[in-house]
Amino acid sequence: MNRIKDFRNKRNLSQADIAKIMNIKQNTFSQWETGKRIPNILQGIKLAEILETTVESLYK
C-alpha cells in the first residue's frame, strides 16, 4: 500500500504543487498516488524530502 496521499495531505499540498516542485506532469503524480506507476529511486527520494518523511514510510 502506498501512503503518498496521506503524507501529501498532512503537508497541505496539492498534486499540482508537488508536480510543479518535481518538474513532472500532474498525471504522473496522480498515477503514483493510485499505485498505477511508481517513481524511480531518485524521484522517490526527492518526494520523501518534499513530504518530510522517508521513502520507506511512503510505502508501508
Protein backbone atom coordinates (compact mmCIF):
# COMPACT_ATOMS: atom_id res chain seq x y z
CA MET A 1 0.00 0.00 0.00
CA ASN A 2 1.25 3.47 -0.71
CA ARG A 3 0.73 6.38 1.67
CA ILE A 4 1.77 9.22 -0.62
CA LYS A 5 -1.66 10.86 -0.49
CA ASP A 6 -1.72 10.74 3.32
CA PHE A 7 1.64 12.48 3.58
CA ARG A 8 0.69 15.00 0.87
CA ASN A 9 -2.50 15.91 2.70
CA LYS A 10 -0.64 16.33 6.00
CA ARG A 11 1.57 18.92 4.30
CA ASN A 12 -1.46 20.66 2.72
CA LEU A 13 -0.04 20.26 -0.78
CA SER A 14 -2.00 19.55 -3.95
CA GLN A 15 -0.94 17.11 -6.62
CA ALA A 16 -0.24 20.13 -8.83
CA ASP A 17 2.03 21.65 -6.15
CA ILE A 18 4.18 18.56 -5.93
CA ALA A 19 4.21 18.01 -9.68
CA LYS A 20 5.47 21.56 -10.15
CA ILE A 21 8.19 21.18 -7.49
CA MET A 22 9.33 17.88 -9.02
CA ASN A 23 9.03 19.11 -12.61
CA ILE A 24 6.73 16.27 -13.64
CA LYS A 25 3.19 16.15 -15.02
CA GLN A 26 0.34 16.13 -12.53
CA ASN A 27 -0.99 12.99 -14.23
CA THR A 28 2.28 11.21 -13.44
CA PHE A 29 2.00 12.15 -9.78
CA SER A 30 -1.64 11.05 -9.72
CA GLN A 31 -0.57 7.64 -11.03
CA TRP A 32 1.97 7.38 -8.20
CA GLU A 33 -0.75 8.04 -5.65
CA THR A 34 -3.08 5.45 -7.13
CA GLY A 35 -0.33 2.86 -7.48
CA LYS A 36 -0.59 2.65 -11.27
CA ARG A 37 3.05 3.71 -11.51
CA ILE A 38 5.91 4.14 -9.07
CA PRO A 39 8.58 6.81 -9.04
CA ASN A 40 12.16 5.85 -9.83
CA ILE A 41 14.55 5.86 -6.88
CA LEU A 42 15.73 9.44 -7.37
CA GLN A 43 12.16 10.69 -7.68
CA GLY A 44 11.18 8.68 -4.60
CA ILE A 45 13.97 10.26 -2.59
CA LYS A 46 13.01 13.76 -3.74
CA LEU A 47 9.33 13.08 -2.99
CA ALA A 48 10.18 11.86 0.51
CA GLU A 49 12.20 15.04 1.11
CA ILE A 50 9.30 17.24 -0.05
CA LEU A 51 6.88 15.34 2.19
CA GLU A 52 9.37 15.35 5.09
CA THR A 53 9.43 11.60 5.51
CA THR A 54 11.37 8.57 4.31
CA VAL A 55 10.89 6.55 1.14
CA GLU A 56 10.13 3.53 3.29
CA SER A 57 7.33 5.38 5.11
CA LEU A 58 5.67 6.27 1.83
CA TYR A 59 5.13 2.58 1.04
CA LYS A 60 4.32 0.96 4.38
